Amino acid sequence: MENIESRVRAFIRDTFPSPAGPPTEIDGGRSLFEAGIMDSIGVLSLVTWLEREFGIVVDDEDVVPESIDGVDRLVRYIEVKRAEAGLAE
């Protein structure tokens, strides 16, 4: 089974293509918004995917840059939510 980071990276690559082609390698700490990879509409796709893919519930108050804006932040967020739900890998 793929690890969380590779699954997140694959989702971003497949879901948010750019005019220059899909992002090949995204710095884990880089803002997806500032990089132009994701916008506010993309957040809806991301949240839906997170809930379906990882079996977690993304609370409204969690939809903030500190939780979801960057690969590293997303991985940490998913790990915490899965642990809270008793689903840790």
PDB file of N, CA and C in Angstrom:
ATOM      1  N   MET A   1       0.846  -1.187   0.000  1.00  0.00           N
ATOM      2  CA  MET A   1       0.000   0.000   0.000  1.00  0.00           C
ATOM      3  C   MET A   1       0.892   1.250   0.000  1.00  0.00           C
ATOM      4  N   GLU A   2       0.501   2.211  -0.781  1.00  0.00           N
ATOM      5  CA  GLU A   2       1.252   3.465  -0.854  1.00  0.00           C
ATOM      6  C   GLU A   2       1.147   4.215   0.469  1.00  0.00           C
ATOM      7  N   ASN A   3       2.183   4.976   0.783  1.00  0.00           N
ATOM      8  CA  ASN A   3       2.101   5.763   2.001  1.00  0.00           C
ATOM      9  C   ASN A   3       1.248   7.014   1.756  1.00  0.00           C
ATOM     10  N   ILE A   4       0.919   7.685   2.820  1.00  0.00           N
ATOM     11  CA  ILE A   4       0.024   8.844   2.743  1.00  0.00           C
ATOM     12  C   ILE A   4       0.600   9.917   1.829  1.00  0.00           C
ATOM     13  N   GLU A   5       1.875  10.226   1.970  1.00  0.00           N
ATOM     14  CA  GLU A   5       2.461  11.291   1.165  1.00  0.00           C
ATOM     15  C   GLU A   5       2.370  10.990  -0.330  1.00  0.00           C
ATOM     16  N   SER A   6       2.669   9.771  -0.719  1.00  0.00           N
ATOM     17  CA  SER A   6       2.617   9.458  -2.151  1.00  0.00           C
ATOM     18  C   SER A   6       1.188   9.492  -2.670  1.00  0.00           C
ATOM     19  N   ARG A   7       0.227   9.128  -1.846  1.00  0.00           N
ATOM     20  CA  ARG A   7      -1.181   9.205  -2.257  1.00  0.00           C
ATOM     21  C   ARG A   7      -1.621  10.656  -2.417  1.00  0.00           C
ATOM     22  N   VAL A   8      -1.184  11.515  -1.498  1.00  0.00           N
ATOM     23  CA  VAL A   8      -1.507  12.945  -1.589  1.00  0.00           C
ATOM     24  C   VAL A   8      -0.874  13.538  -2.842  1.00  0.00           C
ATOM     25  N   ARG A   9       0.384  13.230  -3.070  1.00  0.00           N
ATOM     26  CA  ARG A   9       1.076  13.757  -4.253  1.00  0.00           C
ATOM     27  C   ARG A   9       0.403  13.291  -5.544  1.00  0.00           C
ATOM     28  N   ALA A  10       0.004  12.037  -5.604  1.00  0.00           N
ATOM     29  CA  ALA A  10      -0.668  11.509  -6.796  1.00  0.00           C
ATOM     30  C   ALA A  10      -2.001  12.216  -7.018  1.00  0.00           C
ATOM     31  N   PHE A  11      -2.741  12.451  -5.944  1.00  0.00           N
ATOM     32  CA  PHE A  11      -4.019  13.161  -6.071  1.00  0.00           C
ATOM     33  C   PHE A  11      -3.805  14.566  -6.618  1.00  0.00           C
ATOM     34  N   ILE A  12      -2.847  15.282  -6.064  1.00  0.00           N
ATOM     35  CA  ILE A  12      -2.575  16.649  -6.518  1.00  0.00           C
ATOM     36  C   ILE A  12      -2.160  16.640  -7.987  1.00  0.00           C
ATOM     37  N   ARG A  13      -1.253  15.753  -8.336  1.00  0.00           N
ATOM     38  CA  ARG A  13      -0.772  15.663  -9.714  1.00  0.00           C
ATOM     39  C   ARG A  13      -1.916  15.358 -10.691  1.00  0.00           C
ATOM     40  N   ASP A  14      -2.786  14.427 -10.313  1.00  0.00           N
ATOM     41  CA  ASP A  14      -3.865  13.989 -11.210  1.00  0.00           C
ATOM     42  C   ASP A  14      -5.054  14.932 -11.228  1.00  0.00           C
ATOM     43  N   THR A  15      -5.259  15.682 -10.162  1.00  0.00           N
ATOM     44  CA  THR A  15      -6.459  16.499 -10.030  1.00  0.00           C
ATOM     45  C   THR A  15      -6.257  17.956 -10.416  1.00  0.00           C
ATOM     46  N   PHE A  16      -5.068  18.468 -10.226  1.00  0.00           N
ATOM     47  CA  PHE A  16      -4.822  19.891 -10.442  1.00  0.00           C
ATOM     48  C   PHE A  16      -3.777  20.133 -11.522  1.00  0.00           C
ATOM     49  N   PRO A  17      -4.091  19.750 -12.764  1.00  0.00           N
ATOM     50  CA  PRO A  17      -3.118  20.003 -13.828  1.00  0.00           C
ATOM     51  C   PRO A  17      -2.980  21.508 -14.073  1.00  0.00           C
ATOM     52  N   SER A  18      -1.802  21.894 -14.458  1.00  0.00           N
ATOM     53  CA  SER A  18      -1.564  23.303 -14.773  1.00  0.00           C
ATOM     54  C   SER A  18      -1.377  23.442 -16.275  1.00  0.00           C
ATOM     55  N   PRO A  19      -1.462  24.658 -16.795  1.00  0.00           N
ATOM     56  CA  PRO A  19      -1.252  24.857 -18.227  1.00  0.00           C
ATOM     57  C   PRO A  19       0.100  24.338 -18.699  1.00  0.00           C
ATOM     58  N   ALA A  20       1.067  24.328 -17.808  1.00  0.00           N
ATOM     59  CA  ALA A  20       2.402  23.843 -18.159  1.00  0.00           C
ATOM     60  C   ALA A  20       2.518  22.335 -17.943  1.00  0.00           C
ATOM     61  N   GLY A  21       1.393  21.689 -17.674  1.00  0.00           N
ATOM     62  CA  GLY A  21       1.401  20.264 -17.378  1.00  0.00           C
ATOM     63  C   GLY A  21       1.261  20.040 -15.890  1.00  0.00           C
ATOM     64  N   PRO A  22       1.056  18.806 -15.481  1.00  0.00           N
ATOM     65  CA  PRO A  22       0.879  18.533 -14.053  1.00  0.00           C
ATOM     66  C   PRO A  22       2.152  18.817 -13.277  1.00  0.00           C
ATOM     67  N   PRO A  23       1.976  19.258 -12.029  1.00  0.00           N
ATOM     68  CA  PRO A  23       3.169  19.503 -11.213  1.00  0.00           C
ATOM     69  C   PRO A  23       3.930  18.200 -11.017  1.00  0.00           C
ATOM     70  N   THR A  24       5.207  18.196 -11.321  1.00  0.00           N
ATOM     71  CA  THR A  24       5.971  16.965 -11.220  1.00  0.00           C
ATOM     72  C   THR A  24       6.454  16.724  -9.799  1.00  0.00           C
ATOM     73  N   GLU A  25       7.140  17.658  -9.244  1.00  0.00           N
ATOM     74  CA  GLU A  25       7.625  17.510  -7.872  1.00  0.00           C
ATOM     75  C   GLU A  25       7.314  18.783  -7.107  1.00  0.00           C
ATOM     76  N   ILE A  26       6.537  18.646  -6.082  1.00  0.00           N
ATOM     77  CA  ILE A  26       6.108  19.782  -5.276  1.00  0.00           C
ATOM     78  C   ILE A  26       6.889  19.748  -3.969  1.00  0.00           C
ATOM     79  N   ASP A  27       7.501  20.839  -3.630  1.00  0.00           N
ATOM     80  CA  ASP A  27       8.178  20.956  -2.341  1.00  0.00           C
ATOM     81  C   ASP A  27       7.121  20.745  -1.266  1.00  0.00           C
ATOM     82  N   GLY A  28       7.375  19.837  -0.340  1.00  0.00           N
ATOM     83  CA  GLY A  28       6.401  19.485   0.684  1.00  0.00           C
ATOM     84  C   GLY A  28       5.936  20.639   1.537  1.00  0.00           C
ATOM     85  N   GLY A  29       6.798  21.638   1.738  1.00  0.00           N
ATOM     86  CA  GLY A  29       6.441  22.772   2.571  1.00  0.00           C
ATOM     87  C   GLY A  29       5.836  23.932   1.809  1.00  0.00           C
ATOM     88  N   ARG A  30       5.787  23.825   0.497  1.00  0.00           N
ATOM     89  CA  ARG A  30       5.302  24.939  -0.325  1.00  0.00           C
ATOM     90  C   ARG A  30       3.779  25.034  -0.300  1.00  0.00           C
ATOM     91  N   SER A  31       3.270  26.247  -0.279  1.00  0.00           N
ATOM     92  CA  SER A  31       1.839  26.501  -0.306  1.00  0.00           C
ATOM     93  C   SER A  31       1.270  26.108  -1.667  1.00  0.00           C
ATOM     94  N   LEU A  32       0.247  25.286  -1.663  1.00  0.00           N
ATOM     95  CA  LEU A  32      -0.402  24.890  -2.917  1.00  0.00           C
ATOM     96  C   LEU A  32      -1.137  26.069  -3.542  1.00  0.00           C
ATOM     97  N   PHE A  33      -1.615  26.985  -2.702  1.00  0.00           N
ATOM     98  CA  PHE A  33      -2.307  28.170  -3.195  1.00  0.00           C
ATOM     99  C   PHE A  33      -1.321  29.145  -3.836  1.00  0.00           C
ATOM    100  N   GLU A  34      -0.232  29.444  -3.124  1.00  0.00           N
ATOM    101  CA  GLU A  34       0.763  30.377  -3.643  1.00  0.00           C
ATOM    102  C   GLU A  34       1.425  29.855  -4.905  1.00  0.00           C
ATOM    103  N   ALA A  35       1.559  28.534  -5.036  1.00  0.00           N
ATOM    104  CA  ALA A  35       2.161  27.931  -6.218  1.00  0.00           C
ATOM    105  C   ALA A  35       1.192  27.907  -7.397  1.00  0.00           C
ATOM    106  N   GLY A  36      -0.077  28.285  -7.144  1.00  0.00           N
ATOM    107  CA  GLY A  36      -1.070  28.275  -8.208  1.00  0.00           C
ATOM    108  C   GLY A  36      -1.571  26.881  -8.554  1.00  0.00           C
ATOM    109  N   ILE A  37      -1.313  25.919  -7.687  1.00  0.00           N
ATOM    110  CA  ILE A  37      -1.728  24.543  -7.939  1.00  0.00           C
ATOM    111  C   ILE A  37      -3.188  24.334  -7.554  1.00  0.00           C
ATOM    112  N   MET A  38      -3.605  24.931  -6.453  1.00  0.00           N
ATOM    113  CA  MET A  38      -4.959  24.732  -5.957  1.00  0.00           C
ATOM    114  C   MET A  38      -5.601  26.082  -5.672  1.00  0.00           C
ATOM    115  N   ASP A  39      -6.917  26.155  -5.914  1.00  0.00           N
ATOM    116  CA  ASP A  39      -7.675  27.359  -5.589  1.00  0.00           C
ATOM    117  C   ASP A  39      -8.826  26.967  -4.663  1.00  0.00           C
ATOM    118  N   SER A  40      -9.702  27.911  -4.375  1.00  0.00           N
ATOM    119  CA  SER A  40     -10.782  27.641  -3.422  1.00  0.00           C
ATOM    120  C   SER A  40     -11.728  26.544  -3.901  1.00  0.00           C
ATOM    121  N   ILE A  41     -11.942  26.447  -5.195  1.00  0.00           N
ATOM    122  CA  ILE A  41     -12.784  25.367  -5.733  1.00  0.00           C
ATOM    123  C   ILE A  41     -12.080  24.028  -5.549  1.00  0.00           C
ATOM    124  N   GLY A  42     -10.779  24.023  -5.710  1.00  0.00           N
ATOM    125  CA  GLY A  42     -10.003  22.808  -5.523  1.00  0.00           C
ATOM    126  C   GLY A  42     -10.088  22.274  -4.105  1.00  0.00           C
ATOM    127  N   VAL A  43     -10.296  23.158  -3.146  1.00  0.00           N
ATOM    128  CA  VAL A  43     -10.428  22.731  -1.751  1.00  0.00           C
ATOM    129  C   VAL A  43     -11.605  21.774  -1.602  1.00  0.00           C
ATOM    130  N   LEU A  44     -12.689  22.042  -2.306  1.00  0.00           N
ATOM    131  CA  LEU A  44     -13.854  21.156  -2.229  1.00  0.00           C
ATOM    132  C   LEU A  44     -13.503  19.758  -2.719  1.00  0.00           C
ATOM    133  N   SER A  45     -12.790  19.684  -3.823  1.00  0.00           N
ATOM    134  CA  SER A  45     -12.353  18.382  -4.339  1.00  0.00           C
ATOM    135  C   SER A  45     -11.427  17.694  -3.352  1.00  0.00           C
ATOM    136  N   LEU A  46     -10.516  18.467  -2.787  1.00  0.00           N
ATOM    137  CA  LEU A  46      -9.564  17.920  -1.823  1.00  0.00           C
ATOM    138  C   LEU A  46     -10.282  17.348  -0.608  1.00  0.00           C
ATOM    139  N   VAL A  47     -11.197  18.106  -0.029  1.00  0.00           N
ATOM    140  CA  VAL A  47     -11.911  17.659   1.168  1.00  0.00           C
ATOM    141  C   VAL A  47     -12.705  16.389   0.882  1.00  0.00           C
ATOM    142  N   THR A  48     -13.394  16.353  -0.240  1.00  0.00           N
ATOM    143  CA  THR A  48     -14.173  15.166  -0.615  1.00  0.00           C
ATOM    144  C   THR A  48     -13.251  13.958  -0.748  1.00  0.00           C
ATOM    145  N   TRP A  49     -12.119  14.160  -1.409  1.00  0.00           N
ATOM    146  CA  TRP A  49     -11.164  13.069  -1.591  1.00  0.00           C
ATOM    147  C   TRP A  49     -10.587  12.604  -0.259  1.00  0.00           C
ATOM    148  N   LEU A  50     -10.205  13.532   0.612  1.00  0.00           N
ATOM    149  CA  LEU A  50      -9.652  13.159   1.914  1.00  0.00           C
ATOM    150  C   LEU A  50     -10.625  12.276   2.688  1.00  0.00           C
ATOM    151  N   GLU A  51     -11.872  12.674   2.702  1.00  0.00           N
ATOM    152  CA  GLU A  51     -12.872  11.909   3.461  1.00  0.00           C
ATOM    153  C   GLU A  51     -13.061  10.516   2.864  1.00  0.00           C
ATOM    154  N   ARG A  52     -13.143  10.440   1.559  1.00  0.00           N
ATOM    155  CA  ARG A  52     -13.354   9.154   0.889  1.00  0.00           C
ATOM    156  C   ARG A  52     -12.097   8.276   0.960  1.00  0.00           C
ATOM    157  N   GLU A  53     -10.959   8.847   0.657  1.00  0.00           N
ATOM    158  CA  GLU A  53      -9.711   8.086   0.554  1.00  0.00           C
ATOM    159  C   GLU A  53      -9.194   7.585   1.901  1.00  0.00           C
ATOM    160  N   PHE A  54      -9.364   8.398   2.939  1.00  0.00           N
ATOM    161  CA  PHE A  54      -8.758   8.067   4.222  1.00  0.00           C
ATOM    162  C   PHE A  54      -9.770   7.755   5.322  1.00  0.00           C
ATOM    163  N   GLY A  55     -11.053   7.822   5.014  1.00  0.00           N
ATOM    164  CA  GLY A  55     -12.074   7.479   5.997  1.00  0.00           C
ATOM    165  C   GLY A  55     -12.137   8.440   7.165  1.00  0.00           C
ATOM    166  N   ILE A  56     -11.833   9.706   6.908  1.00  0.00           N
ATOM    167  CA  ILE A  56     -11.854  10.714   7.970  1.00  0.00           C
ATOM    168  C   ILE A  56     -12.966  11.715   7.698  1.00  0.00           C
ATOM    169  N   VAL A  57     -13.287  12.494   8.716  1.00  0.00           N
ATOM    170  CA  VAL A  57     -14.233  13.593   8.568  1.00  0.00           C
ATOM    171  C   VAL A  57     -13.433  14.884   8.682  1.00  0.00           C
ATOM    172  N   VAL A  58     -13.533  15.710   7.657  1.00  0.00           N
ATOM    173  CA  VAL A  58     -12.844  16.996   7.669  1.00  0.00           C
ATOM    174  C   VAL A  58     -13.830  18.024   8.211  1.00  0.00           C
ATOM    175  N   ASP A  59     -13.573  18.481   9.425  1.00  0.00           N
ATOM    176  CA  ASP A  59     -14.444  19.463  10.051  1.00  0.00           C
ATOM    177  C   ASP A  59     -14.252  20.823   9.395  1.00  0.00           C
ATOM    178  N   ASP A  60     -15.324  21.616   9.365  1.00  0.00           N
ATOM    179  CA  ASP A  60     -15.260  22.939   8.737  1.00  0.00           C
ATOM    180  C   ASP A  60     -14.117  23.780   9.287  1.00  0.00           C
ATOM    181  N   GLU A  61     -13.904  23.709  10.605  1.00  0.00           N
ATOM    182  CA  GLU A  61     -12.850  24.530  11.205  1.00  0.00           C
ATOM    183  C   GLU A  61     -11.447  24.054  10.825  1.00  0.00           C
ATOM    184  N   ASP A  62     -11.337  22.868  10.225  1.00  0.00           N
ATOM    185  CA  ASP A  62     -10.046  22.351   9.780  1.00  0.00           C
ATOM    186  C   ASP A  62      -9.670  22.803   8.373  1.00  0.00           C
ATOM    187  N   VAL A  63     -10.608  23.402   7.671  1.00  0.00           N
ATOM    188  CA  VAL A  63     -10.350  23.836   6.295  1.00  0.00           C
ATOM    189  C   VAL A  63      -9.678  25.211   6.338  1.00  0.00           C
ATOM    190  N   VAL A  64      -8.439  25.174   6.792  1.00  0.00           N
ATOM    191  CA  VAL A  64      -7.603  26.375   6.926  1.00  0.00           C
ATOM    192  C   VAL A  64      -6.211  26.031   6.407  1.00  0.00           C
ATOM    193  N   PRO A  65      -5.454  27.039   5.982  1.00  0.00           N
ATOM    194  CA  PRO A  65      -4.117  26.768   5.450  1.00  0.00           C
ATOM    195  C   PRO A  65      -3.228  25.951   6.389  1.00  0.00           C
ATOM    196  N   GLU A  66      -3.356  26.142   7.685  1.00  0.00           N
ATOM    197  CA  GLU A  66      -2.515  25.417   8.636  1.00  0.00           C
ATOM    198  C   GLU A  66      -2.717  23.907   8.550  1.00  0.00           C
ATOM    199  N   SER A  67      -3.869  23.475   8.049  1.00  0.00           N
ATOM    200  CA  SER A  67      -4.157  22.044   7.947  1.00  0.00           C
ATOM    201  C   SER A  67      -3.966  21.487   6.544  1.00  0.00           C
ATOM    202  N   ILE A  68      -4.327  22.274   5.534  1.00  0.00           N
ATOM    203  CA  ILE A  68      -4.414  21.676   4.196  1.00  0.00           C
ATOM    204  C   ILE A  68      -3.574  22.334   3.115  1.00  0.00           C
ATOM    205  N   ASP A  69      -2.836  23.380   3.426  1.00  0.00           N
ATOM    206  CA  ASP A  69      -2.107  24.095   2.377  1.00  0.00           C
ATOM    207  C   ASP A  69      -0.655  23.655   2.282  1.00  0.00           C
ATOM    208  N   GLY A  70      -0.448  22.521   1.669  1.00  0.00           N
ATOM    209  CA  GLY A  70       0.891  21.986   1.451  1.00  0.00           C
ATOM    210  C   GLY A  70       0.897  20.492   1.683  1.00  0.00           C
ATOM    211  N   VAL A  71       1.766  19.812   0.994  1.00  0.00           N
ATOM    212  CA  VAL A  71       1.837  18.355   1.115  1.00  0.00           C
ATOM    213  C   VAL A  71       2.170  17.950   2.536  1.00  0.00           C
ATOM    214  N   ASP A  72       3.176  18.565   3.130  1.00  0.00           N
ATOM    215  CA  ASP A  72       3.572  18.201   4.498  1.00  0.00           C
ATOM    216  C   ASP A  72       2.427  18.425   5.484  1.00  0.00           C
ATOM    217  N   ARG A  73       1.750  19.542   5.360  1.00  0.00           N
ATOM    218  CA  ARG A  73       0.629  19.849   6.264  1.00  0.00           C
ATOM    219  C   ARG A  73      -0.502  18.850   6.073  1.00  0.00           C
ATOM    220  N   LEU A  74      -0.784  18.505   4.828  1.00  0.00           N
ATOM    221  CA  LEU A  74      -1.832  17.527   4.558  1.00  0.00           C
ATOM    222  C   LEU A  74      -1.499  16.166   5.168  1.00  0.00           C
ATOM    223  N   VAL A  75      -0.273  15.740   5.014  1.00  0.00           N
ATOM    224  CA  VAL A  75       0.137  14.446   5.568  1.00  0.00           C
ATOM    225  C   VAL A  75      -0.035  14.443   7.078  1.00  0.00           C
ATOM    226  N   ARG A  76       0.442  15.498   7.739  1.00  0.00           N
ATOM    227  CA  ARG A  76       0.287  15.588   9.205  1.00  0.00           C
ATOM    228  C   ARG A  76      -1.187  15.589   9.604  1.00  0.00           C
ATOM    229  N   TYR A  77      -1.989  16.363   8.869  1.00  0.00           N
ATOM    230  CA  TYR A  77      -3.419  16.447   9.170  1.00  0.00           C
ATOM    231  C   TYR A  77      -4.077  15.074   9.039  1.00  0.00           C
ATOM    232  N   ILE A  78      -3.789  14.374   7.965  1.00  0.00           N
ATOM    233  CA  ILE A  78      -4.381  13.047   7.741  1.00  0.00           C
ATOM    234  C   ILE A  78      -3.954  12.088   8.848  1.00  0.00           C
ATOM    235  N   GLU A  79      -2.682  12.102   9.205  1.00  0.00           N
ATOM    236  CA  GLU A  79      -2.201  11.217  10.268  1.00  0.00           C
ATOM    237  C   GLU A  79      -2.922  11.480  11.582  1.00  0.00           C
ATOM    238  N   VAL A  80      -3.097  12.754  11.936  1.00  0.00           N
ATOM    239  CA  VAL A  80      -3.783  13.105  13.181  1.00  0.00           C
ATOM    240  C   VAL A  80      -5.249  12.661  13.130  1.00  0.00           C
ATOM    241  N   LYS A  81      -5.931  12.965  12.038  1.00  0.00           N
ATOM    242  CA  LYS A  81      -7.353  12.612  11.933  1.00  0.00           C
ATOM    243  C   LYS A  81      -7.541  11.096  11.941  1.00  0.00           C
ATOM    244  N   ARG A  82      -6.664  10.360  11.265  1.00  0.00           N
ATOM    245  CA  ARG A  82      -6.768   8.898  11.264  1.00  0.00           C
ATOM    246  C   ARG A  82      -6.503   8.335  12.660  1.00  0.00           C
ATOM    247  N   ALA A  83      -5.547   8.913  13.364  1.00  0.00           N
ATOM    248  CA  ALA A  83      -5.261   8.458  14.728  1.00  0.00           C
ATOM    249  C   ALA A  83      -6.457   8.725  15.642  1.00  0.00           C
ATOM    250  N   GLU A  84      -7.061   9.918  15.497  1.00  0.00           N
ATOM    251  CA  GLU A  84      -8.231  10.262  16.303  1.00  0.00           C
ATOM    252  C   GLU A  84      -9.386   9.291  16.035  1.00  0.00           C
ATOM    253  N   ALA A  85      -9.481   8.820  14.782  1.00  0.00           N
ATOM    254  CA  ALA A  85     -10.568   7.899  14.411  1.00  0.00           C
ATOM    255  C   ALA A  85     -10.199   6.434  14.648  1.00  0.00           C
ATOM    256  N   GLY A  86      -8.984   6.198  15.165  1.00  0.00           N
ATOM    257  CA  GLY A  86      -8.552   4.827  15.408  1.00  0.00           C
ATOM    258  C   GLY A  86      -8.189   4.084  14.129  1.00  0.00           C
ATOM    259  N   LEU A  87      -7.789   4.846  13.097  1.00  0.00           N
ATOM    260  CA  LEU A  87      -7.474   4.258  11.794  1.00  0.00           C
ATOM    261  C   LEU A  87      -6.003   4.365  11.432  1.00  0.00           C
ATOM    262  N   ALA A  88      -5.150   4.659  12.377  1.00  0.00           N
ATOM    263  CA  ALA A  88      -3.730   4.872  12.077  1.00  0.00           C
ATOM    264  C   ALA A  88      -3.142   3.668  11.371  1.00  0.00           C
ATOM    265  N   GLU A  89      -2.275   3.967  10.382  1.00  0.00           N
ATOM    266  CA  GLU A  89      -1.631   2.908   9.590  1.00  0.00           C
ATOM    267  C   GLU A  89      -0.489   2.294  10.349  1.00  0.00           C
TER     268      GLU A  89
END
